Amino acid sequence: MTTITDEYMRQMLTLAKGNCIVILESTPKKSQPGSDKIVWEHGRRNFALRAEGVLPVVCPIFAYEAHPCRSFPGTALP
């Protein structure tokens, strides 16, 4: 395992930038009449964004929580 020094940690903390983490949740609205068509077309757009490399995760969700956070250079989803 790589050794992380105090100096490295201090340097990285100066490079941290504001970001936002979004936690997605499913809700009962997903089972309302007609919602399947909305989810389908929304999914189609998400797959197009994924194919263009813009959206790394695709999933049908109607509710979310957003939390402010900080991240470091090079941080990304696979």
PDB file of N, CA and C in Angstrom:
ATOM      1  N   MET A   1       0.849  -1.177   0.000  1.00  0.00           N
ATOM      2  CA  MET A   1       0.000   0.000   0.000  1.00  0.00           C
ATOM      3  C   MET A   1       0.894   1.240   0.000  1.00  0.00           C
ATOM      4  N   THR A   2       0.485   2.270  -0.735  1.00  0.00           N
ATOM      5  CA  THR A   2       1.229   3.524  -0.817  1.00  0.00           C
ATOM      6  C   THR A   2       1.193   4.247   0.522  1.00  0.00           C
ATOM      7  N   THR A   3       2.341   4.788   0.939  1.00  0.00           N
ATOM      8  CA  THR A   3       2.411   5.575   2.167  1.00  0.00           C
ATOM      9  C   THR A   3       1.969   7.003   1.858  1.00  0.00           C
ATOM     10  N   ILE A   4       1.023   7.494   2.625  1.00  0.00           N
ATOM     11  CA  ILE A   4       0.517   8.861   2.462  1.00  0.00           C
ATOM     12  C   ILE A   4       1.065   9.699   3.606  1.00  0.00           C
ATOM     13  N   THR A   5       1.873  10.690   3.279  1.00  0.00           N
ATOM     14  CA  THR A   5       2.497  11.529   4.304  1.00  0.00           C
ATOM     15  C   THR A   5       1.582  12.677   4.709  1.00  0.00           C
ATOM     16  N   ASP A   6       1.878  13.282   5.842  1.00  0.00           N
ATOM     17  CA  ASP A   6       1.141  14.466   6.293  1.00  0.00           C
ATOM     18  C   ASP A   6       1.285  15.591   5.264  1.00  0.00           C
ATOM     19  N   GLU A   7       2.496  15.745   4.711  1.00  0.00           N
ATOM     20  CA  GLU A   7       2.734  16.789   3.710  1.00  0.00           C
ATOM     21  C   GLU A   7       1.833  16.588   2.489  1.00  0.00           C
ATOM     22  N   TYR A   8       1.731  15.353   2.016  1.00  0.00           N
ATOM     23  CA  TYR A   8       0.874  15.048   0.867  1.00  0.00           C
ATOM     24  C   TYR A   8      -0.584  15.376   1.190  1.00  0.00           C
ATOM     25  N   MET A   9      -1.034  14.990   2.371  1.00  0.00           N
ATOM     26  CA  MET A   9      -2.421  15.259   2.757  1.00  0.00           C
ATOM     27  C   MET A   9      -2.695  16.754   2.813  1.00  0.00           C
ATOM     28  N   ARG A  10      -1.775  17.539   3.386  1.00  0.00           N
ATOM     29  CA  ARG A  10      -1.952  18.996   3.444  1.00  0.00           C
ATOM     30  C   ARG A  10      -2.015  19.589   2.039  1.00  0.00           C
ATOM     31  N   GLN A  11      -1.145  19.101   1.149  1.00  0.00           N
ATOM     32  CA  GLN A  11      -1.128  19.587  -0.233  1.00  0.00           C
ATOM     33  C   GLN A  11      -2.464  19.258  -0.918  1.00  0.00           C
ATOM     34  N   MET A  12      -2.946  18.043  -0.765  1.00  0.00           N
ATOM     35  CA  MET A  12      -4.198  17.640  -1.393  1.00  0.00           C
ATOM     36  C   MET A  12      -5.378  18.463  -0.864  1.00  0.00           C
ATOM     37  N   LEU A  13      -5.386  18.767   0.421  1.00  0.00           N
ATOM     38  CA  LEU A  13      -6.477  19.558   0.997  1.00  0.00           C
ATOM     39  C   LEU A  13      -6.550  20.952   0.384  1.00  0.00           C
ATOM     40  N   THR A  14      -5.407  21.507  -0.018  1.00  0.00           N
ATOM     41  CA  THR A  14      -5.438  22.827  -0.662  1.00  0.00           C
ATOM     42  C   THR A  14      -6.003  22.751  -2.077  1.00  0.00           C
ATOM     43  N   LEU A  15      -6.016  21.564  -2.665  1.00  0.00           N
ATOM     44  CA  LEU A  15      -6.510  21.385  -4.032  1.00  0.00           C
ATOM     45  C   LEU A  15      -7.981  20.976  -4.096  1.00  0.00           C
ATOM     46  N   ALA A  16      -8.573  20.675  -2.943  1.00  0.00           N
ATOM     47  CA  ALA A  16      -9.966  20.213  -2.925  1.00  0.00           C
ATOM     48  C   ALA A  16     -10.901  21.295  -3.458  1.00  0.00           C
ATOM     49  N   LYS A  17     -11.902  20.875  -4.228  1.00  0.00           N
ATOM     50  CA  LYS A  17     -12.869  21.803  -4.809  1.00  0.00           C
ATOM     51  C   LYS A  17     -14.277  21.401  -4.397  1.00  0.00           C
ATOM     52  N   GLY A  18     -15.177  22.392  -4.372  1.00  0.00           N
ATOM     53  CA  GLY A  18     -16.569  22.127  -4.037  1.00  0.00           C
ATOM     54  C   GLY A  18     -17.213  21.182  -5.037  1.00  0.00           C
ATOM     55  N   ASN A  19     -18.080  20.339  -4.562  1.00  0.00           N
ATOM     56  CA  ASN A  19     -18.755  19.359  -5.392  1.00  0.00           C
ATOM     57  C   ASN A  19     -20.095  19.044  -4.746  1.00  0.00           C
ATOM     58  N   CYS A  20     -20.830  18.108  -5.310  1.00  0.00           N
ATOM     59  CA  CYS A  20     -22.116  17.707  -4.751  1.00  0.00           C
ATOM     60  C   CYS A  20     -22.298  16.210  -4.959  1.00  0.00           C
ATOM     61  N   ILE A  21     -22.698  15.515  -3.920  1.00  0.00           N
ATOM     62  CA  ILE A  21     -23.024  14.097  -4.010  1.00  0.00           C
ATOM     63  C   ILE A  21     -24.540  13.990  -4.034  1.00  0.00           C
ATOM     64  N   VAL A  22     -25.066  13.213  -4.966  1.00  0.00           N
ATOM     65  CA  VAL A  22     -26.516  13.021  -5.069  1.00  0.00           C
ATOM     66  C   VAL A  22     -26.820  11.559  -4.773  1.00  0.00           C
ATOM     67  N   ILE A  23     -27.681  11.332  -3.787  1.00  0.00           N
ATOM     68  CA  ILE A  23     -28.135   9.990  -3.434  1.00  0.00           C
ATOM     69  C   ILE A  23     -29.518   9.812  -4.032  1.00  0.00           C
ATOM     70  N   LEU A  24     -29.662   8.835  -4.916  1.00  0.00           N
ATOM     71  CA  LEU A  24     -30.914   8.619  -5.621  1.00  0.00           C
ATOM     72  C   LEU A  24     -31.755   7.546  -4.929  1.00  0.00           C
ATOM     73  N   GLU A  25     -33.067   7.765  -4.874  1.00  0.00           N
ATOM     74  CA  GLU A  25     -33.993   6.835  -4.238  1.00  0.00           C
ATOM     75  C   GLU A  25     -35.216   6.639  -5.121  1.00  0.00           C
ATOM     76  N   SER A  26     -35.782   5.435  -5.118  1.00  0.00           N
ATOM     77  CA  SER A  26     -37.027   5.164  -5.822  1.00  0.00           C
ATOM     78  C   SER A  26     -38.194   5.561  -4.916  1.00  0.00           C
ATOM     79  N   THR A  27     -39.331   5.961  -5.501  1.00  0.00           N
ATOM     80  CA  THR A  27     -40.514   6.343  -4.725  1.00  0.00           C
ATOM     81  C   THR A  27     -41.749   5.636  -5.271  1.00  0.00           C
ATOM     82  N   PRO A  28     -42.880   5.709  -4.543  1.00  0.00           N
ATOM     83  CA  PRO A  28     -44.126   5.100  -5.026  1.00  0.00           C
ATOM     84  C   PRO A  28     -44.604   5.679  -6.361  1.00  0.00           C
ATOM     85  N   LYS A  29     -44.185   6.902  -6.721  1.00  0.00           N
ATOM     86  CA  LYS A  29     -44.601   7.505  -7.999  1.00  0.00           C
ATOM     87  C   LYS A  29     -44.162   6.658  -9.188  1.00  0.00           C
ATOM     88  N   LYS A  30     -43.137   5.833  -8.992  1.00  0.00           N
ATOM     89  CA  LYS A  30     -42.642   5.000 -10.086  1.00  0.00           C
ATOM     90  C   LYS A  30     -43.720   4.030 -10.584  1.00  0.00           C
ATOM     91  N   SER A  31     -44.691   3.685  -9.738  1.00  0.00           N
ATOM     92  CA  SER A  31     -45.729   2.733 -10.139  1.00  0.00           C
ATOM     93  C   SER A  31     -47.031   3.410 -10.578  1.00  0.00           C
ATOM     94  N   GLN A  32     -47.068   4.743 -10.688  1.00  0.00           N
ATOM     95  CA  GLN A  32     -48.271   5.440 -11.145  1.00  0.00           C
ATOM     96  C   GLN A  32     -48.511   5.160 -12.630  1.00  0.00           C
ATOM     97  N   PRO A  33     -49.779   5.158 -13.065  1.00  0.00           N
ATOM     98  CA  PRO A  33     -50.092   4.934 -14.477  1.00  0.00           C
ATOM     99  C   PRO A  33     -49.375   5.944 -15.384  1.00  0.00           C
ATOM    100  N   GLY A  34     -48.767   5.455 -16.441  1.00  0.00           N
ATOM    101  CA  GLY A  34     -48.074   6.315 -17.399  1.00  0.00           C
ATOM    102  C   GLY A  34     -46.625   6.602 -17.061  1.00  0.00           C
ATOM    103  N   SER A  35     -46.219   6.317 -15.833  1.00  0.00           N
ATOM    104  CA  SER A  35     -44.837   6.636 -15.458  1.00  0.00           C
ATOM    105  C   SER A  35     -43.831   5.749 -16.196  1.00  0.00           C
ATOM    106  N   ASP A  36     -44.270   4.549 -16.601  1.00  0.00           N
ATOM    107  CA  ASP A  36     -43.350   3.661 -17.306  1.00  0.00           C
ATOM    108  C   ASP A  36     -42.875   4.277 -18.624  1.00  0.00           C
ATOM    109  N   LYS A  37     -43.745   5.007 -19.321  1.00  0.00           N
ATOM    110  CA  LYS A  37     -43.353   5.656 -20.579  1.00  0.00           C
ATOM    111  C   LYS A  37     -42.362   6.786 -20.323  1.00  0.00           C
ATOM    112  N   ILE A  38     -42.594   7.532 -19.247  1.00  0.00           N
ATOM    113  CA  ILE A  38     -41.684   8.628 -18.886  1.00  0.00           C
ATOM    114  C   ILE A  38     -40.315   8.060 -18.532  1.00  0.00           C
ATOM    115  N   VAL A  39     -40.318   7.010 -17.717  1.00  0.00           N
ATOM    116  CA  VAL A  39     -39.054   6.381 -17.316  1.00  0.00           C
ATOM    117  C   VAL A  39     -38.322   5.837 -18.543  1.00  0.00           C
ATOM    118  N   TRP A  40     -39.073   5.225 -19.471  1.00  0.00           N
ATOM    119  CA  TRP A  40     -38.464   4.651 -20.680  1.00  0.00           C
ATOM    120  C   TRP A  40     -37.744   5.715 -21.512  1.00  0.00           C
ATOM    121  N   GLU A  41     -38.415   6.844 -21.756  1.00  0.00           N
ATOM    122  CA  GLU A  41     -37.810   7.899 -22.567  1.00  0.00           C
ATOM    123  C   GLU A  41     -36.681   8.609 -21.829  1.00  0.00           C
ATOM    124  N   HIS A  42     -36.838   8.771 -20.538  1.00  0.00           N
ATOM    125  CA  HIS A  42     -35.766   9.339 -19.726  1.00  0.00           C
ATOM    126  C   HIS A  42     -34.544   8.416 -19.790  1.00  0.00           C
ATOM    127  N   GLY A  43     -34.797   7.107 -19.701  1.00  0.00           N
ATOM    128  CA  GLY A  43     -33.711   6.137 -19.812  1.00  0.00           C
ATOM    129  C   GLY A  43     -33.022   6.199 -21.168  1.00  0.00           C
ATOM    130  N   ARG A  44     -33.822   6.379 -22.226  1.00  0.00           N
ATOM    131  CA  ARG A  44     -33.246   6.496 -23.567  1.00  0.00           C
ATOM    132  C   ARG A  44     -32.263   7.669 -23.623  1.00  0.00           C
ATOM    133  N   ARG A  45     -32.679   8.815 -23.060  1.00  0.00           N
ATOM    134  CA  ARG A  45     -31.785   9.987 -23.048  1.00  0.00           C
ATOM    135  C   ARG A  45     -30.535   9.719 -22.215  1.00  0.00           C
ATOM    136  N   ASN A  46     -30.718   9.060 -21.071  1.00  0.00           N
ATOM    137  CA  ASN A  46     -29.566   8.737 -20.225  1.00  0.00           C
ATOM    138  C   ASN A  46     -28.593   7.792 -20.933  1.00  0.00           C
ATOM    139  N   PHE A  47     -29.131   6.798 -21.668  1.00  0.00           N
ATOM    140  CA  PHE A  47     -28.252   5.905 -22.418  1.00  0.00           C
ATOM    141  C   PHE A  47     -27.489   6.666 -23.495  1.00  0.00           C
ATOM    142  N   ALA A  48     -28.136   7.644 -24.135  1.00  0.00           N
ATOM    143  CA  ALA A  48     -27.447   8.466 -25.135  1.00  0.00           C
ATOM    144  C   ALA A  48     -26.331   9.277 -24.475  1.00  0.00           C
ATOM    145  N   LEU A  49     -26.608   9.846 -23.307  1.00  0.00           N
ATOM    146  CA  LEU A  49     -25.576  10.602 -22.580  1.00  0.00           C
ATOM    147  C   LEU A  49     -24.437   9.681 -22.149  1.00  0.00           C
ATOM    148  N   ARG A  50     -24.780   8.464 -21.742  1.00  0.00           N
ATOM    149  CA  ARG A  50     -23.757   7.482 -21.354  1.00  0.00           C
ATOM    150  C   ARG A  50     -22.893   7.129 -22.566  1.00  0.00           C
ATOM    151  N   ALA A  51     -23.526   6.907 -23.715  1.00  0.00           N
ATOM    152  CA  ALA A  51     -22.791   6.569 -24.933  1.00  0.00           C
ATOM    153  C   ALA A  51     -21.828   7.687 -25.342  1.00  0.00           C
ATOM    154  N   GLU A  52     -22.182   8.936 -25.020  1.00  0.00           N
ATOM    155  CA  GLU A  52     -21.325  10.086 -25.329  1.00  0.00           C
ATOM    156  C   GLU A  52     -20.269  10.324 -24.256  1.00  0.00           C
ATOM    157  N   GLY A  53     -20.290   9.505 -23.188  1.00  0.00           N
ATOM    158  CA  GLY A  53     -19.303   9.642 -22.113  1.00  0.00           C
ATOM    159  C   GLY A  53     -19.619  10.742 -21.120  1.00  0.00           C
ATOM    160  N   VAL A  54     -20.856  11.261 -21.135  1.00  0.00           N
ATOM    161  CA  VAL A  54     -21.247  12.361 -20.254  1.00  0.00           C
ATOM    162  C   VAL A  54     -21.819  11.852 -18.926  1.00  0.00           C
ATOM    163  N   LEU A  55     -22.496  10.718 -18.958  1.00  0.00           N
ATOM    164  CA  LEU A  55     -23.205  10.197 -17.787  1.00  0.00           C
ATOM    165  C   LEU A  55     -22.706   8.783 -17.488  1.00  0.00           C
ATOM    166  N   PRO A  56     -21.917   8.581 -16.418  1.00  0.00           N
ATOM    167  CA  PRO A  56     -21.342   7.261 -16.159  1.00  0.00           C
ATOM    168  C   PRO A  56     -22.310   6.241 -15.546  1.00  0.00           C
ATOM    169  N   VAL A  57     -23.421   6.691 -14.960  1.00  0.00           N
ATOM    170  CA  VAL A  57     -24.357   5.783 -14.307  1.00  0.00           C
ATOM    171  C   VAL A  57     -25.758   6.037 -14.851  1.00  0.00           C
ATOM    172  N   VAL A  58     -26.477   4.971 -15.219  1.00  0.00           N
ATOM    173  CA  VAL A  58     -27.841   5.088 -15.735  1.00  0.00           C
ATOM    174  C   VAL A  58     -28.764   4.246 -14.867  1.00  0.00           C
ATOM    175  N   CYS A  59     -29.810   4.884 -14.281  1.00  0.00           N
ATOM    176  CA  CYS A  59     -30.793   4.151 -13.480  1.00  0.00           C
ATOM    177  C   CYS A  59     -32.056   5.003 -13.321  1.00  0.00           C
ATOM    178  N   PRO A  60     -33.273   4.366 -13.341  1.00  0.00           N
ATOM    179  CA  PRO A  60     -34.518   5.128 -13.224  1.00  0.00           C
ATOM    180  C   PRO A  60     -34.844   5.471 -11.765  1.00  0.00           C
ATOM    181  N   ILE A  61     -34.762   6.737 -11.424  1.00  0.00           N
ATOM    182  CA  ILE A  61     -34.981   7.189 -10.046  1.00  0.00           C
ATOM    183  C   ILE A  61     -35.835   8.457 -10.070  1.00  0.00           C
ATOM    184  N   PHE A  62     -36.753   8.636  -9.069  1.00  0.00           N
ATOM    185  CA  PHE A  62     -37.611   9.824  -9.001  1.00  0.00           C
ATOM    186  C   PHE A  62     -37.291  10.743  -7.831  1.00  0.00           C
ATOM    187  N   ALA A  63     -36.601  10.272  -6.803  1.00  0.00           N
ATOM    188  CA  ALA A  63     -36.299  11.111  -5.636  1.00  0.00           C
ATOM    189  C   ALA A  63     -34.787  11.107  -5.391  1.00  0.00           C
ATOM    190  N   TYR A  64     -34.305  12.165  -4.759  1.00  0.00           N
ATOM    191  CA  TYR A  64     -32.879  12.254  -4.491  1.00  0.00           C
ATOM    192  C   TYR A  64     -32.604  13.144  -3.290  1.00  0.00           C
ATOM    193  N   GLU A  65     -31.410  13.002  -2.751  1.00  0.00           N
ATOM    194  CA  GLU A  65     -30.882  13.908  -1.726  1.00  0.00           C
ATOM    195  C   GLU A  65     -29.572  14.443  -2.279  1.00  0.00           C
ATOM    196  N   ALA A  66     -29.336  15.723  -2.148  1.00  0.00           N
ATOM    197  CA  ALA A  66     -28.074  16.318  -2.595  1.00  0.00           C
ATOM    198  C   ALA A  66     -27.310  16.808  -1.366  1.00  0.00           C
ATOM    199  N   HIS A  67     -26.019  16.482  -1.308  1.00  0.00           N
ATOM    200  CA  HIS A  67     -25.182  16.849  -0.176  1.00  0.00           C
ATOM    201  C   HIS A  67     -23.934  17.557  -0.681  1.00  0.00           C
ATOM    202  N   PRO A  68     -23.665  18.775  -0.197  1.00  0.00           N
ATOM    203  CA  PRO A  68     -22.427  19.449  -0.594  1.00  0.00           C
ATOM    204  C   PRO A  68     -21.230  18.705  -0.013  1.00  0.00           C
ATOM    205  N   CYS A  69     -20.145  18.673  -0.753  1.00  0.00           N
ATOM    206  CA  CYS A  69     -18.928  18.011  -0.285  1.00  0.00           C
ATOM    207  C   CYS A  69     -17.738  18.635  -1.003  1.00  0.00           C
ATOM    208  N   ARG A  70     -16.567  18.100  -0.767  1.00  0.00           N
ATOM    209  CA  ARG A  70     -15.357  18.551  -1.456  1.00  0.00           C
ATOM    210  C   ARG A  70     -14.695  17.315  -2.042  1.00  0.00           C
ATOM    211  N   SER A  71     -14.057  17.471  -3.213  1.00  0.00           N
ATOM    212  CA  SER A  71     -13.375  16.362  -3.851  1.00  0.00           C
ATOM    213  C   SER A  71     -11.999  16.821  -4.314  1.00  0.00           C
ATOM    214  N   PHE A  72     -11.188  15.862  -4.679  1.00  0.00           N
ATOM    215  CA  PHE A  72      -9.808  16.133  -5.042  1.00  0.00           C
ATOM    216  C   PHE A  72      -9.580  15.928  -6.535  1.00  0.00           C
ATOM    217  N   PRO A  73      -8.593  16.617  -7.124  1.00  0.00           N
ATOM    218  CA  PRO A  73      -8.299  16.459  -8.547  1.00  0.00           C
ATOM    219  C   PRO A  73      -8.112  14.992  -8.907  1.00  0.00           C
ATOM    220  N   GLY A  74      -8.676  14.595 -10.027  1.00  0.00           N
ATOM    221  CA  GLY A  74      -8.553  13.214 -10.486  1.00  0.00           C
ATOM    222  C   GLY A  74      -9.641  12.294  -9.973  1.00  0.00           C
ATOM    223  N   THR A  75     -10.517  12.800  -9.080  1.00  0.00           N
ATOM    224  CA  THR A  75     -11.610  11.993  -8.562  1.00  0.00           C
ATOM    225  C   THR A  75     -12.688  11.874  -9.620  1.00  0.00           C
ATOM    226  N   ALA A  76     -13.093  10.616  -9.933  1.00  0.00           N
ATOM    227  CA  ALA A  76     -14.116  10.387 -10.947  1.00  0.00           C
ATOM    228  C   ALA A  76     -14.711   8.997 -10.783  1.00  0.00           C
ATOM    229  N   LEU A  77     -15.938   8.822 -11.237  1.00  0.00           N
ATOM    230  CA  LEU A  77     -16.528   7.490 -11.296  1.00  0.00           C
ATOM    231  C   LEU A  77     -15.864   6.709 -12.417  1.00  0.00           C
ATOM    232  N   PRO A  78     -15.822   5.388 -12.288  1.00  0.00           N
ATOM    233  CA  PRO A  78     -15.192   4.595 -13.352  1.00  0.00           C
ATOM    234  C   PRO A  78     -15.955   4.699 -14.664  1.00  0.00           C
TER     235      PRO A  78
END
